[in-house]
């Protein structure tokens, strides 16, 4: 099972006839699936990249709305930090 077959790392090729090779391929696919599922930093990085691409596309299409959204997010973060500090200093 190599990357040149066009199937994902977490899949097993259907054309494997030898039971030993098939078991090895299934084990390799299962371990790859576990790695994909358990690698939280990698998943977070992928999600962040997707969100950033979406935000860039939105900013390119509607720059005024993107600026308004950025100001709104900054204001919300500021209010949240101010509220937390106020609660902490009571």
C-alpha atoms as a PDB file:
ATOM      1  CA  UNK A   1       0.000   0.000   0.000  1.00  0.00           C
ATOM      2  CA  UNK A   2       1.775   3.090  -1.208  1.00  0.00           C
ATOM      3  CA  UNK A   3       0.757   6.636  -1.928  1.00  0.00           C
ATOM      4  CA  UNK A   4       1.012   6.148  -5.710  1.00  0.00           C
ATOM      5  CA  UNK A   5      -2.118   3.932  -5.764  1.00  0.00           C
ATOM      6  CA  UNK A   6      -4.408   6.911  -5.241  1.00  0.00           C
ATOM      7  CA  UNK A   7      -6.079   5.609  -2.089  1.00  0.00           C
ATOM      8  CA  UNK A   8      -5.812   7.309   1.317  1.00  0.00           C
ATOM      9  CA  UNK A   9      -3.371   6.108   3.974  1.00  0.00           C
ATOM     10  CA  UNK A  10      -6.310   4.928   6.075  1.00  0.00           C
ATOM     11  CA  UNK A  11      -7.761   2.630   3.371  1.00  0.00           C
ATOM     12  CA  UNK A  12      -6.840  -0.871   2.271  1.00  0.00           C
ATOM     13  CA  UNK A  13      -6.471  -1.743  -1.395  1.00  0.00           C
ATOM     14  CA  UNK A  14      -9.069  -4.261  -2.574  1.00  0.00           C
ATOM     15  CA  UNK A  15      -6.719  -6.072  -4.967  1.00  0.00           C
ATOM     16  CA  UNK A  16      -4.573  -7.681  -2.249  1.00  0.00           C
ATOM     17  CA  UNK A  17      -4.903 -11.485  -2.441  1.00  0.00           C
ATOM     18  CA  UNK A  18      -2.263 -12.687   0.049  1.00  0.00           C
ATOM     19  CA  UNK A  19      -3.823 -12.894   3.549  1.00  0.00           C
ATOM     20  CA  UNK A  20      -0.575 -11.867   5.241  1.00  0.00           C
ATOM     21  CA  UNK A  21      -0.159  -8.807   3.043  1.00  0.00           C
ATOM     22  CA  UNK A  22      -3.838  -7.957   3.524  1.00  0.00           C
ATOM     23  CA  UNK A  23      -3.507  -8.216   7.321  1.00  0.00           C
ATOM     24  CA  UNK A  24      -0.417  -6.013   7.236  1.00  0.00           C
ATOM     25  CA  UNK A  25      -2.191  -3.474   5.048  1.00  0.00           C
ATOM     26  CA  UNK A  26      -5.208  -3.469   7.383  1.00  0.00           C
ATOM     27  CA  UNK A  27      -2.965  -3.000  10.412  1.00  0.00           C
ATOM     28  CA  UNK A  28      -1.086  -0.186   8.687  1.00  0.00           C
ATOM     29  CA  UNK A  29      -4.374   1.491   7.724  1.00  0.00           C
ATOM     30  CA  UNK A  30      -5.750   1.110  11.260  1.00  0.00           C
ATOM     31  CA  UNK A  31      -2.610   2.618  12.789  1.00  0.00           C
ATOM     32  CA  UNK A  32      -2.729   5.494  10.284  1.00  0.00           C
ATOM     33  CA  UNK A  33      -6.386   6.117  11.163  1.00  0.00           C
ATOM     34  CA  UNK A  34      -5.568   6.129  14.881  1.00  0.00           C
ATOM     35  CA  UNK A  35      -2.705   8.546  14.262  1.00  0.00           C
ATOM     36  CA  UNK A  36      -4.964  10.861  12.253  1.00  0.00           C
ATOM     37  CA  UNK A  37      -7.639  10.790  14.949  1.00  0.00           C
ATOM     38  CA  UNK A  38      -5.272  11.207  17.916  1.00  0.00           C
ATOM     39  CA  UNK A  39      -3.006  13.892  16.475  1.00  0.00           C
ATOM     40  CA  UNK A  40      -4.901  16.872  17.887  1.00  0.00           C
ATOM     41  CA  UNK A  41      -2.286  19.549  17.055  1.00  0.00           C
ATOM     42  CA  UNK A  42      -2.307  18.460  13.415  1.00  0.00           C
ATOM     43  CA  UNK A  43      -6.111  18.521  13.308  1.00  0.00           C
ATOM     44  CA  UNK A  44      -6.196  21.961  14.933  1.00  0.00           C
ATOM     45  CA  UNK A  45      -3.642  23.252  12.426  1.00  0.00           C
ATOM     46  CA  UNK A  46      -5.717  21.945   9.507  1.00  0.00           C
ATOM     47  CA  UNK A  47      -8.898  23.494  10.903  1.00  0.00           C
ATOM     48  CA  UNK A  48      -7.103  26.790  11.478  1.00  0.00           C
ATOM     49  CA  UNK A  49      -5.792  26.793   7.915  1.00  0.00           C
ATOM     50  CA  UNK A  50      -9.303  26.156   6.570  1.00  0.00           C
ATOM     51  CA  UNK A  51     -10.781  28.954   8.684  1.00  0.00           C
ATOM     52  CA  UNK A  52      -8.005  31.349   7.656  1.00  0.00           C
ATOM     53  CA  UNK A  53      -8.604  30.564   3.978  1.00  0.00           C
ATOM     54  CA  UNK A  54     -12.326  31.205   4.470  1.00  0.00           C
ATOM     55  CA  UNK A  55     -11.616  34.475   6.284  1.00  0.00           C
ATOM     56  CA  UNK A  56      -9.192  35.615   3.565  1.00  0.00           C
ATOM     57  CA  UNK A  57     -11.741  34.841   0.850  1.00  0.00           C
ATOM     58  CA  UNK A  58     -14.411  36.746   2.787  1.00  0.00           C
ATOM     59  CA  UNK A  59     -12.056  39.691   3.298  1.00  0.00           C
ATOM     60  CA  UNK A  60     -11.232  39.713  -0.407  1.00  0.00           C
ATOM     61  CA  UNK A  61     -14.914  39.710  -1.423  1.00  0.00           C
ATOM     62  CA  UNK A  62     -16.228  42.073   1.255  1.00  0.00           C
ATOM     63  CA  UNK A  63     -13.418  44.129   2.816  1.00  0.00           C
ATOM     64  CA  UNK A  64     -15.731  46.531   4.673  1.00  0.00           C
ATOM     65  CA  UNK A  65     -17.674  43.742   6.341  1.00  0.00           C
ATOM     66  CA  UNK A  66     -14.400  41.996   7.204  1.00  0.00           C
ATOM     67  CA  UNK A  67     -13.150  45.157   8.902  1.00  0.00           C
ATOM     68  CA  UNK A  68     -16.422  45.499  10.814  1.00  0.00           C
ATOM     69  CA  UNK A  69     -16.174  41.856  11.883  1.00  0.00           C
ATOM     70  CA  UNK A  70     -12.564  42.344  13.021  1.00  0.00           C
ATOM     71  CA  UNK A  71     -13.522  45.379  15.097  1.00  0.00           C
ATOM     72  CA  UNK A  72     -16.450  43.475  16.577  1.00  0.00           C
ATOM     73  CA  UNK A  73     -14.274  40.503  17.521  1.00  0.00           C
ATOM     74  CA  UNK A  74     -11.658  42.809  19.043  1.00  0.00           C
ATOM     75  CA  UNK A  75     -14.340  44.605  21.055  1.00  0.00           C
ATOM     76  CA  UNK A  76     -15.805  41.303  22.263  1.00  0.00           C
ATOM     77  CA  UNK A  77     -12.385  40.043  23.356  1.00  0.00           C
ATOM     78  CA  UNK A  78     -11.712  43.352  25.105  1.00  0.00           C
ATOM     79  CA  UNK A  79     -15.021  43.234  26.963  1.00  0.00           C
ATOM     80  CA  UNK A  80     -14.432  39.608  27.943  1.00  0.00           C
ATOM     81  CA  UNK A  81     -10.951  40.363  29.301  1.00  0.00           C
ATOM     82  CA  UNK A  82     -12.241  43.457  31.117  1.00  0.00           C
ATOM     83  CA  UNK A  83     -15.048  41.389  32.682  1.00  0.00           C
ATOM     84  CA  UNK A  84     -12.678  38.641  33.782  1.00  0.00           C
ATOM     85  CA  UNK A  85     -10.268  41.156  35.328  1.00  0.00           C
ATOM     86  CA  UNK A  86     -13.148  42.892  37.088  1.00  0.00           C
ATOM     87  CA  UNK A  87     -14.377  39.576  38.497  1.00  0.00           C
ATOM     88  CA  UNK A  88     -10.864  38.623  39.587  1.00  0.00           C
ATOM     89  CA  UNK A  89     -10.190  41.942  41.375  1.00  0.00           C
ATOM     90  CA  UNK A  90     -13.383  41.891  43.441  1.00  0.00           C
END
